Amino acid sequence: MTLKLTGIALAVAFAFATAVQAQTSPSPTKGDSATRTEQPSPRKAKDAEEEKIEAQAKAERAKCDPMKGNAKDICMAEAKGKEKVAKAELDAKYEKDKAKAERKVKDAKAEATYDVAKQKCDDQKGEAKDACMKQARVDRDRAKGKAEKTAEAKRENTSSGSAGSTAPEKPKQPK
């Protein structure tokens, strides 16, 4: 009798132990939520970085609040420019086409520099202001042109390196 009771108790204990293990072991399926929560997806990481950039930009703009006049405009242009450049760099980090991404970053930098230069030109009057604005446009266009040439050169190097390559010729055998 005690042997039967011990056997039944052992069987029940074994059944419970197996059931508990089945509940705590991660399943090997692809859609398991436990494995997804361990590593954040690239999209979530990008969103977190973007929120950080926006918070930093908000802090930069808050520094401009006590300023007055054109100094405030210059400060705001600098803050907005830093934000645009940071977002362009973030997008470049996750972009597959590195040449295109690098060009976008350089364009964002050129535009940010131009916006700040425009605000600085507002302090001047007459011909000096016109000359300042013209120089700012020339600098922006030069930076954008340089970025475009660099991107095209990288694209040509990438495409000619993989698509234009041919197998080396075999040496001719003497007859």
N, C-alpha and C. Protein backbone atom coordinates (compact mmCIF):
# COMPACT_ATOMS: atom_id res chain seq x y z
N MET A 1 0.81 -1.18 0.00
CA MET A 1 0.00 0.00 0.00
C MET A 1 0.86 1.24 0.00
N THR A 2 1.87 1.28 0.86
CA THR A 2 2.73 2.45 0.90
C THR A 2 3.53 2.58 -0.40
N LEU A 3 3.84 1.46 -1.02
CA LEU A 3 4.56 1.50 -2.28
C LEU A 3 3.69 2.12 -3.37
N LYS A 4 2.39 1.76 -3.39
CA LYS A 4 1.48 2.36 -4.36
C LYS A 4 1.32 3.85 -4.09
N LEU A 5 1.17 4.23 -2.84
CA LEU A 5 0.99 5.63 -2.47
C LEU A 5 2.23 6.43 -2.81
N THR A 6 3.39 5.88 -2.56
CA THR A 6 4.64 6.56 -2.89
C THR A 6 4.78 6.71 -4.40
N GLY A 7 4.42 5.70 -5.14
CA GLY A 7 4.49 5.73 -6.60
C GLY A 7 3.56 6.78 -7.19
N ILE A 8 2.34 6.86 -6.63
CA ILE A 8 1.37 7.86 -7.09
C ILE A 8 1.88 9.27 -6.76
N ALA A 9 2.37 9.45 -5.54
CA ALA A 9 2.88 10.77 -5.13
C ALA A 9 4.06 11.19 -6.02
N LEU A 10 4.92 10.25 -6.34
CA LEU A 10 6.07 10.54 -7.20
C LEU A 10 5.61 10.90 -8.60
N ALA A 11 4.62 10.19 -9.12
CA ALA A 11 4.10 10.47 -10.46
C ALA A 11 3.44 11.85 -10.52
N VAL A 12 2.67 12.20 -9.48
CA VAL A 12 2.02 13.52 -9.42
C VAL A 12 3.08 14.62 -9.33
N ALA A 13 4.08 14.42 -8.48
CA ALA A 13 5.14 15.41 -8.34
C ALA A 13 5.89 15.60 -9.66
N PHE A 14 6.16 14.51 -10.34
CA PHE A 14 6.85 14.58 -11.62
C PHE A 14 6.00 15.32 -12.65
N ALA A 15 4.70 15.08 -12.65
CA ALA A 15 3.78 15.74 -13.59
C ALA A 15 3.76 17.25 -13.33
N PHE A 16 3.70 17.64 -12.06
CA PHE A 16 3.70 19.06 -11.72
C PHE A 16 5.03 19.72 -12.10
N ALA A 17 6.13 19.05 -11.85
CA ALA A 17 7.44 19.60 -12.18
C ALA A 17 7.57 19.83 -13.68
N THR A 18 7.05 18.90 -14.48
CA THR A 18 7.11 19.04 -15.93
C THR A 18 6.24 20.20 -16.38
N ALA A 19 5.07 20.36 -15.79
CA ALA A 19 4.17 21.45 -16.16
C ALA A 19 4.78 22.81 -15.80
N VAL A 20 5.43 22.89 -14.64
CA VAL A 20 6.06 24.14 -14.22
C VAL A 20 7.20 24.50 -15.17
N GLN A 21 8.00 23.53 -15.54
CA GLN A 21 9.10 23.79 -16.46
C GLN A 21 8.58 24.26 -17.80
N ALA A 22 7.52 23.68 -18.28
CA ALA A 22 6.96 24.06 -19.57
C ALA A 22 6.48 25.50 -19.54
N GLN A 23 6.01 25.97 -18.39
CA GLN A 23 5.54 27.34 -18.30
C GLN A 23 6.69 28.34 -18.20
N THR A 24 7.81 27.97 -17.62
CA THR A 24 8.90 28.91 -17.43
C THR A 24 9.94 28.88 -18.53
N SER A 25 10.01 27.83 -19.32
CA SER A 25 10.99 27.75 -20.40
C SER A 25 10.55 28.60 -21.57
N PRO A 26 11.48 29.35 -22.18
CA PRO A 26 11.09 30.11 -23.36
C PRO A 26 10.85 29.17 -24.54
N SER A 27 9.83 29.48 -25.29
CA SER A 27 9.52 28.62 -26.43
C SER A 27 10.45 28.98 -27.58
N PRO A 28 10.80 28.01 -28.39
CA PRO A 28 11.74 28.27 -29.48
C PRO A 28 11.10 28.91 -30.70
N THR A 29 9.84 29.32 -30.61
CA THR A 29 9.18 29.90 -31.78
C THR A 29 9.70 31.30 -32.05
N LYS A 30 9.54 31.73 -33.29
CA LYS A 30 10.05 33.01 -33.73
C LYS A 30 9.27 34.18 -33.13
N GLY A 31 7.99 34.02 -32.90
CA GLY A 31 7.14 35.09 -32.43
C GLY A 31 7.09 35.23 -30.93
N ASP A 32 8.01 34.65 -30.21
CA ASP A 32 8.00 34.70 -28.75
C ASP A 32 8.24 36.12 -28.27
N SER A 33 7.39 36.62 -27.41
CA SER A 33 7.51 38.00 -26.94
C SER A 33 8.68 38.16 -25.97
N ALA A 34 9.11 37.10 -25.31
CA ALA A 34 10.21 37.22 -24.37
C ALA A 34 11.50 37.57 -25.09
N THR A 35 11.72 37.04 -26.26
CA THR A 35 12.95 37.36 -26.99
C THR A 35 12.87 38.74 -27.61
N ARG A 36 11.69 39.24 -27.95
CA ARG A 36 11.56 40.56 -28.53
C ARG A 36 11.83 41.66 -27.51
N THR A 37 11.49 41.43 -26.26
CA THR A 37 11.68 42.48 -25.27
C THR A 37 13.11 42.59 -24.80
N GLU A 38 13.92 41.55 -25.02
CA GLU A 38 15.30 41.60 -24.57
C GLU A 38 16.12 42.59 -25.38
N GLN A 39 15.94 42.64 -26.70
CA GLN A 39 16.67 43.56 -27.55
C GLN A 39 15.68 44.49 -28.23
N PRO A 40 15.88 45.81 -28.08
CA PRO A 40 14.95 46.73 -28.73
C PRO A 40 15.12 46.69 -30.25
N SER A 41 14.05 46.88 -30.94
CA SER A 41 14.12 46.87 -32.40
C SER A 41 14.83 48.14 -32.86
N PRO A 42 15.38 48.13 -34.06
CA PRO A 42 16.04 49.33 -34.57
C PRO A 42 15.10 50.53 -34.62
N ARG A 43 13.84 50.28 -34.90
CA ARG A 43 12.86 51.38 -34.98
C ARG A 43 12.69 52.03 -33.61
N LYS A 44 12.60 51.21 -32.56
CA LYS A 44 12.45 51.75 -31.21
C LYS A 44 13.70 52.51 -30.79
N ALA A 45 14.86 52.01 -31.16
CA ALA A 45 16.11 52.69 -30.83
C ALA A 45 16.17 54.03 -31.54
N LYS A 46 15.77 54.07 -32.81
CA LYS A 46 15.77 55.32 -33.57
C LYS A 46 14.78 56.31 -32.96
N ASP A 47 13.61 55.83 -32.57
CA ASP A 47 12.62 56.71 -31.94
C ASP A 47 13.14 57.29 -30.64
N ALA A 48 13.82 56.48 -29.86
CA ALA A 48 14.38 56.96 -28.59
C ALA A 48 15.45 58.03 -28.83
N GLU A 49 16.29 57.80 -29.83
CA GLU A 49 17.32 58.79 -30.16
C GLU A 49 16.69 60.07 -30.68
N GLU A 50 15.62 59.95 -31.45
CA GLU A 50 14.93 61.13 -31.98
C GLU A 50 14.30 61.94 -30.85
N GLU A 51 13.72 61.26 -29.88
CA GLU A 51 13.16 61.97 -28.73
C GLU A 51 14.25 62.70 -27.95
N LYS A 52 15.40 62.08 -27.85
CA LYS A 52 16.54 62.71 -27.17
C LYS A 52 16.97 63.98 -27.91
N ILE A 53 17.02 63.91 -29.24
CA ILE A 53 17.39 65.06 -30.05
C ILE A 53 16.37 66.18 -29.87
N GLU A 54 15.10 65.84 -29.88
CA GLU A 54 14.05 66.85 -29.72
C GLU A 54 14.10 67.49 -28.34
N ALA A 55 14.39 66.71 -27.32
CA ALA A 55 14.51 67.27 -25.97
C ALA A 55 15.70 68.22 -25.88
N GLN A 56 16.79 67.83 -26.51
CA GLN A 56 17.98 68.69 -26.52
C GLN A 56 17.70 69.98 -27.28
N ALA A 57 16.98 69.89 -28.40
CA ALA A 57 16.63 71.07 -29.19
C ALA A 57 15.72 72.00 -28.39
N LYS A 58 14.81 71.42 -27.65
CA LYS A 58 13.91 72.23 -26.83
C LYS A 58 14.71 72.99 -25.77
N ALA A 59 15.69 72.34 -25.19
CA ALA A 59 16.55 72.99 -24.19
C ALA A 59 17.36 74.11 -24.83
N GLU A 60 17.85 73.87 -26.05
CA GLU A 60 18.62 74.90 -26.77
C GLU A 60 17.74 76.12 -27.06
N ARG A 61 16.50 75.88 -27.48
CA ARG A 61 15.58 76.99 -27.77
C ARG A 61 15.20 77.73 -26.50
N ALA A 62 15.13 77.01 -25.38
CA ALA A 62 14.79 77.65 -24.11
C ALA A 62 15.90 78.62 -23.68
N LYS A 63 17.14 78.32 -24.05
CA LYS A 63 18.25 79.23 -23.74
C LYS A 63 18.09 80.56 -24.47
N CYS A 64 17.39 80.54 -25.59
CA CYS A 64 17.21 81.75 -26.41
C CYS A 64 16.11 82.66 -25.87
N ASP A 65 15.23 82.14 -25.04
CA ASP A 65 14.06 82.91 -24.57
C ASP A 65 14.42 84.24 -23.90
N PRO A 66 15.42 84.31 -23.03
CA PRO A 66 15.69 85.59 -22.39
C PRO A 66 16.32 86.64 -23.32
N MET A 67 16.77 86.23 -24.49
CA MET A 67 17.41 87.15 -25.42
C MET A 67 16.38 88.02 -26.11
N LYS A 68 16.85 89.12 -26.68
CA LYS A 68 15.95 90.07 -27.37
C LYS A 68 16.46 90.33 -28.78
N GLY A 69 15.55 90.73 -29.65
CA GLY A 69 15.90 91.20 -30.98
C GLY A 69 16.55 90.15 -31.86
N ASN A 70 17.53 90.62 -32.63
CA ASN A 70 18.17 89.74 -33.61
C ASN A 70 19.06 88.69 -32.94
N ALA A 71 19.56 88.98 -31.76
CA ALA A 71 20.37 87.98 -31.04
C ALA A 71 19.52 86.74 -30.76
N LYS A 72 18.24 86.96 -30.44
CA LYS A 72 17.34 85.84 -30.21
C LYS A 72 17.10 85.07 -31.51
N ASP A 73 16.95 85.80 -32.62
CA ASP A 73 16.74 85.15 -33.92
C ASP A 73 17.95 84.30 -34.31
N ILE A 74 19.15 84.83 -34.06
CA ILE A 74 20.37 84.08 -34.36
C ILE A 74 20.44 82.82 -33.50
N CYS A 75 20.15 82.96 -32.24
CA CYS A 75 20.17 81.83 -31.31
C CYS A 75 19.17 80.75 -31.73
N MET A 76 17.96 81.18 -32.11
CA MET A 76 16.93 80.23 -32.54
C MET A 76 17.36 79.53 -33.84
N ALA A 77 17.96 80.27 -34.76
CA ALA A 77 18.43 79.66 -36.02
C ALA A 77 19.51 78.62 -35.73
N GLU A 78 20.40 78.92 -34.80
CA GLU A 78 21.44 77.96 -34.43
C GLU A 78 20.84 76.70 -33.81
N ALA A 79 19.86 76.89 -32.92
CA ALA A 79 19.21 75.75 -32.26
C ALA A 79 18.48 74.87 -33.27
N LYS A 80 17.73 75.51 -34.17
CA LYS A 80 17.01 74.75 -35.19
C LYS A 80 17.97 74.04 -36.14
N GLY A 81 19.06 74.71 -36.47
CA GLY A 81 20.06 74.10 -37.34
C GLY A 81 20.69 72.88 -36.72
N LYS A 82 21.03 72.97 -35.44
CA LYS A 82 21.61 71.82 -34.74
C LYS A 82 20.64 70.65 -34.73
N GLU A 83 19.36 70.96 -34.53
CA GLU A 83 18.35 69.90 -34.51
C GLU A 83 18.23 69.22 -35.88
N LYS A 84 18.19 70.03 -36.95
CA LYS A 84 18.07 69.46 -38.29
C LYS A 84 19.27 68.59 -38.64
N VAL A 85 20.46 69.07 -38.27
CA VAL A 85 21.67 68.30 -38.56
C VAL A 85 21.68 66.99 -37.76
N ALA A 86 21.29 67.07 -36.50
CA ALA A 86 21.26 65.86 -35.66
C ALA A 86 20.27 64.84 -36.21
N LYS A 87 19.11 65.31 -36.66
CA LYS A 87 18.12 64.39 -37.24
C LYS A 87 18.61 63.79 -38.55
N ALA A 88 19.31 64.61 -39.36
CA ALA A 88 19.86 64.09 -40.61
C ALA A 88 20.93 63.04 -40.33
N GLU A 89 21.75 63.27 -39.30
CA GLU A 89 22.78 62.29 -38.93
C GLU A 89 22.14 61.01 -38.41
N LEU A 90 21.05 61.15 -37.67
CA LEU A 90 20.33 59.97 -37.17
C LEU A 90 19.75 59.17 -38.33
N ASP A 91 19.13 59.86 -39.28
CA ASP A 91 18.59 59.17 -40.46
C ASP A 91 19.71 58.48 -41.24
N ALA A 92 20.86 59.15 -41.32
CA ALA A 92 22.00 58.57 -42.05
C ALA A 92 22.51 57.30 -41.39
N LYS A 93 22.41 57.28 -40.08
CA LYS A 93 22.86 56.10 -39.33
C LYS A 93 22.06 54.86 -39.71
N TYR A 94 20.78 55.04 -40.04
CA TYR A 94 19.91 53.91 -40.35
C TYR A 94 19.65 53.76 -41.86
N GLU A 95 20.25 54.62 -42.68
CA GLU A 95 20.07 54.58 -44.13
C GLU A 95 20.95 53.50 -44.75
N LYS A 96 20.44 52.82 -45.75
CA LYS A 96 21.22 51.78 -46.42
C LYS A 96 22.19 52.39 -47.44
N ASP A 97 21.74 53.41 -48.16
CA ASP A 97 22.56 54.08 -49.16
C ASP A 97 23.40 55.15 -48.45
N LYS A 98 24.62 54.81 -48.12
CA LYS A 98 25.47 55.70 -47.31
C LYS A 98 25.83 56.99 -48.05
N ALA A 99 26.01 56.93 -49.36
CA ALA A 99 26.36 58.14 -50.11
C ALA A 99 25.20 59.14 -50.07
N LYS A 100 24.01 58.64 -50.25
CA LYS A 100 22.81 59.50 -50.21
C LYS A 100 22.64 60.09 -48.81
N ALA A 101 22.86 59.28 -47.80
CA ALA A 101 22.71 59.73 -46.42
C ALA A 101 23.73 60.80 -46.08
N GLU A 102 24.97 60.59 -46.52
CA GLU A 102 26.02 61.57 -46.26
C GLU A 102 25.70 62.90 -46.94
N ARG A 103 25.15 62.82 -48.13
CA ARG A 103 24.77 64.04 -48.86
C ARG A 103 23.68 64.80 -48.10
N LYS A 104 22.71 64.06 -47.59
CA LYS A 104 21.64 64.72 -46.83
C LYS A 104 22.18 65.42 -45.59
N VAL A 105 23.15 64.80 -44.93
CA VAL A 105 23.76 65.41 -43.75
C VAL A 105 24.48 66.70 -44.14
N LYS A 106 25.25 66.64 -45.21
CA LYS A 106 25.98 67.84 -45.66
C LYS A 106 25.03 68.93 -46.11
N ASP A 107 23.93 68.55 -46.76
CA ASP A 107 22.93 69.54 -47.16
C ASP A 107 22.30 70.20 -45.92
N ALA A 108 22.01 69.40 -44.91
CA ALA A 108 21.43 69.95 -43.68
C ALA A 108 22.40 70.91 -43.00
N LYS A 109 23.68 70.55 -43.00
CA LYS A 109 24.69 71.45 -42.42
C LYS A 109 24.78 72.75 -43.19
N ALA A 110 24.74 72.65 -44.52
CA ALA A 110 24.81 73.84 -45.37
C ALA A 110 23.60 74.75 -45.13
N GLU A 111 22.42 74.16 -45.05
CA GLU A 111 21.21 74.94 -44.81
C GLU A 111 21.23 75.59 -43.42
N ALA A 112 21.71 74.86 -42.44
CA ALA A 112 21.77 75.41 -41.07
C ALA A 112 22.74 76.59 -41.02
N THR A 113 23.88 76.43 -41.66
CA THR A 113 24.86 77.52 -41.70
C THR A 113 24.29 78.72 -42.43
N TYR A 114 23.57 78.48 -43.52
CA TYR A 114 22.95 79.55 -44.29
C TYR A 114 21.90 80.30 -43.46
N ASP A 115 21.06 79.57 -42.74
CA ASP A 115 20.03 80.20 -41.92
C ASP A 115 20.64 81.11 -40.85
N VAL A 116 21.71 80.64 -40.23
CA VAL A 116 22.39 81.45 -39.21
C VAL A 116 23.01 82.68 -39.86
N ALA A 117 23.65 82.50 -41.01
CA ALA A 117 24.28 83.62 -41.71
C ALA A 117 23.24 84.66 -42.12
N LYS A 118 22.07 84.22 -42.56
CA LYS A 118 20.99 85.17 -42.91
C LYS A 118 20.61 86.03 -41.71
N GLN A 119 20.49 85.38 -40.55
CA GLN A 119 20.12 86.13 -39.35
C GLN A 119 21.22 87.12 -38.96
N LYS A 120 22.46 86.72 -39.13
CA LYS A 120 23.57 87.62 -38.82
C LYS A 120 23.60 88.80 -39.80
N CYS A 121 23.20 88.55 -41.03
CA CYS A 121 23.17 89.63 -42.03
C CYS A 121 22.10 90.67 -41.71
N ASP A 122 21.08 90.27 -40.97
CA ASP A 122 20.01 91.20 -40.61
C ASP A 122 20.50 92.36 -39.76
N ASP A 123 21.64 92.18 -39.09
CA ASP A 123 22.20 93.27 -38.29
C ASP A 123 22.75 94.39 -39.16
N GLN A 124 23.03 94.10 -40.42
CA GLN A 124 23.63 95.10 -41.31
C GLN A 124 22.55 95.81 -42.11
N LYS A 125 22.96 96.89 -42.78
CA LYS A 125 22.01 97.68 -43.56
C LYS A 125 22.56 97.94 -44.97
N GLY A 126 21.66 98.15 -45.90
CA GLY A 126 22.01 98.57 -47.25
C GLY A 126 22.84 97.57 -48.02
N GLU A 127 23.88 98.11 -48.67
CA GLU A 127 24.74 97.28 -49.53
C GLU A 127 25.50 96.22 -48.74
N ALA A 128 25.87 96.54 -47.54
CA ALA A 128 26.58 95.56 -46.70
C ALA A 128 25.70 94.34 -46.44
N LYS A 129 24.42 94.59 -46.20
CA LYS A 129 23.48 93.48 -45.97
C LYS A 129 23.32 92.66 -47.24
N ASP A 130 23.19 93.35 -48.38
CA ASP A 130 23.05 92.64 -49.66
C ASP A 130 24.27 91.78 -49.95
N ALA A 131 25.46 92.33 -49.71
CA ALA A 131 26.70 91.58 -49.94
C ALA A 131 26.78 90.39 -48.98
N CYS A 132 26.38 90.58 -47.76
CA CYS A 132 26.39 89.51 -46.76
C CYS A 132 25.46 88.37 -47.18
N MET A 133 24.26 88.73 -47.62
CA MET A 133 23.28 87.72 -48.05
C MET A 133 23.78 86.97 -49.28
N LYS A 134 24.40 87.71 -50.21
CA LYS A 134 24.92 87.08 -51.42
C LYS A 134 26.03 86.09 -51.06
N GLN A 135 26.91 86.49 -50.16
CA GLN A 135 28.00 85.60 -49.73
C GLN A 135 27.45 84.36 -49.03
N ALA A 136 26.41 84.54 -48.23
CA ALA A 136 25.80 83.39 -47.53
C ALA A 136 25.22 82.40 -48.54
N ARG A 137 24.56 82.93 -49.59
CA ARG A 137 24.00 82.04 -50.62
C ARG A 137 25.10 81.32 -51.38
N VAL A 138 26.18 82.03 -51.71
CA VAL A 138 27.30 81.41 -52.41
C VAL A 138 27.91 80.29 -51.58
N ASP A 139 28.11 80.56 -50.29
CA ASP A 139 28.68 79.53 -49.40
C ASP A 139 27.78 78.31 -49.32
N ARG A 140 26.47 78.53 -49.20
CA ARG A 140 25.52 77.42 -49.13
C ARG A 140 25.54 76.60 -50.42
N ASP A 141 25.49 77.29 -51.56
CA ASP A 141 25.47 76.60 -52.85
C ASP A 141 26.77 75.84 -53.08
N ARG A 142 27.88 76.41 -52.64
CA ARG A 142 29.18 75.74 -52.80
C ARG A 142 29.21 74.46 -51.96
N ALA A 143 28.72 74.55 -50.73
CA ALA A 143 28.70 73.37 -49.84
C ALA A 143 27.78 72.30 -50.39
N LYS A 144 26.62 72.68 -50.92
CA LYS A 144 25.69 71.70 -51.48
C LYS A 144 26.26 71.07 -52.74
N GLY A 145 26.93 71.86 -53.57
CA GLY A 145 27.54 71.33 -54.78
C GLY A 145 28.64 70.34 -54.46
N LYS A 146 29.44 70.68 -53.47
CA LYS A 146 30.51 69.78 -53.05
C LYS A 146 29.94 68.47 -52.51
N ALA A 147 28.85 68.56 -51.74
CA ALA A 147 28.21 67.35 -51.20
C ALA A 147 27.66 66.48 -52.33
N GLU A 148 27.10 67.13 -53.34
CA GLU A 148 26.54 66.38 -54.47
C GLU A 148 27.64 65.67 -55.25
N LYS A 149 28.76 66.36 -55.50
CA LYS A 149 29.87 65.74 -56.23
C LYS A 149 30.45 64.57 -55.45
N THR A 150 30.57 64.73 -54.15
CA THR A 150 31.10 63.66 -53.31
C THR A 150 30.17 62.44 -53.36
N ALA A 151 28.87 62.69 -53.27
CA ALA A 151 27.90 61.58 -53.30
C ALA A 151 27.94 60.87 -54.65
N GLU A 152 28.05 61.63 -55.75
CA GLU A 152 28.10 61.01 -57.07
C GLU A 152 29.37 60.18 -57.23
N ALA A 153 30.49 60.70 -56.74
CA ALA A 153 31.75 59.96 -56.84
C ALA A 153 31.67 58.65 -56.06
N LYS A 154 31.08 58.70 -54.88
CA LYS A 154 30.95 57.47 -54.08
C LYS A 154 30.03 56.48 -54.77
N ARG A 155 28.95 56.98 -55.37
CA ARG A 155 28.03 56.09 -56.07
C ARG A 155 28.71 55.43 -57.26
N GLU A 156 29.51 56.21 -57.99
CA GLU A 156 30.22 55.65 -59.14
C GLU A 156 31.23 54.60 -58.70
N ASN A 157 31.92 54.86 -57.61
CA ASN A 157 32.89 53.89 -57.10
C ASN A 157 32.21 52.60 -56.66
N THR A 158 31.06 52.75 -56.03
CA THR A 158 30.33 51.58 -55.55
C THR A 158 29.79 50.77 -56.72
N SER A 159 29.20 51.45 -57.71
CA SER A 159 28.60 50.72 -58.82
C SER A 159 29.66 50.13 -59.74
N SER A 160 30.76 50.83 -59.96
CA SER A 160 31.79 50.29 -60.86
C SER A 160 32.56 49.16 -60.19
N GLY A 161 32.64 49.18 -58.88
CA GLY A 161 33.36 48.14 -58.16
C GLY A 161 32.64 46.81 -58.17
N SER A 162 31.32 46.82 -58.20
CA SER A 162 30.59 45.56 -58.14
C SER A 162 30.02 45.16 -59.50
N ALA A 163 29.43 46.09 -60.23
CA ALA A 163 28.76 45.74 -61.48
C ALA A 163 29.74 45.71 -62.65
N GLY A 164 30.76 46.54 -62.64
CA GLY A 164 31.64 46.63 -63.78
C GLY A 164 32.81 45.67 -63.74
N SER A 165 32.93 44.89 -62.73
CA SER A 165 34.08 44.00 -62.64
C SER A 165 33.86 42.78 -63.51
N THR A 166 34.94 42.35 -64.13
CA THR A 166 34.88 41.15 -64.95
C THR A 166 35.92 40.18 -64.46
N ALA A 167 35.78 38.95 -64.85
CA ALA A 167 36.73 37.93 -64.43
C ALA A 167 38.05 38.15 -65.18
N PRO A 168 39.17 37.91 -64.53
CA PRO A 168 40.45 38.11 -65.23
C PRO A 168 40.59 37.10 -66.36
N GLU A 169 41.29 37.57 -67.40
CA GLU A 169 41.48 36.68 -68.55
C GLU A 169 42.44 35.57 -68.19
N LYS A 170 42.18 34.41 -68.77
CA LYS A 170 43.06 33.26 -68.53
C LYS A 170 44.28 33.40 -69.44
N PRO A 171 45.45 33.06 -68.92
CA PRO A 171 46.63 33.13 -69.78
C PRO A 171 46.52 32.06 -70.89
N LYS A 172 47.03 32.44 -72.05
CA LYS A 172 46.96 31.52 -73.19
C LYS A 172 47.99 30.42 -73.01
N GLN A 173 47.58 29.22 -73.35
CA GLN A 173 48.45 28.05 -73.25
C GLN A 173 49.31 27.97 -74.51
N PRO A 174 50.61 27.71 -74.35
CA PRO A 174 51.44 27.56 -75.55
C PRO A 174 51.08 26.27 -76.29
N LYS A 175 51.13 26.35 -77.61
CA LYS A 175 50.75 25.18 -78.44
C LYS A 175 51.89 24.27 -78.69
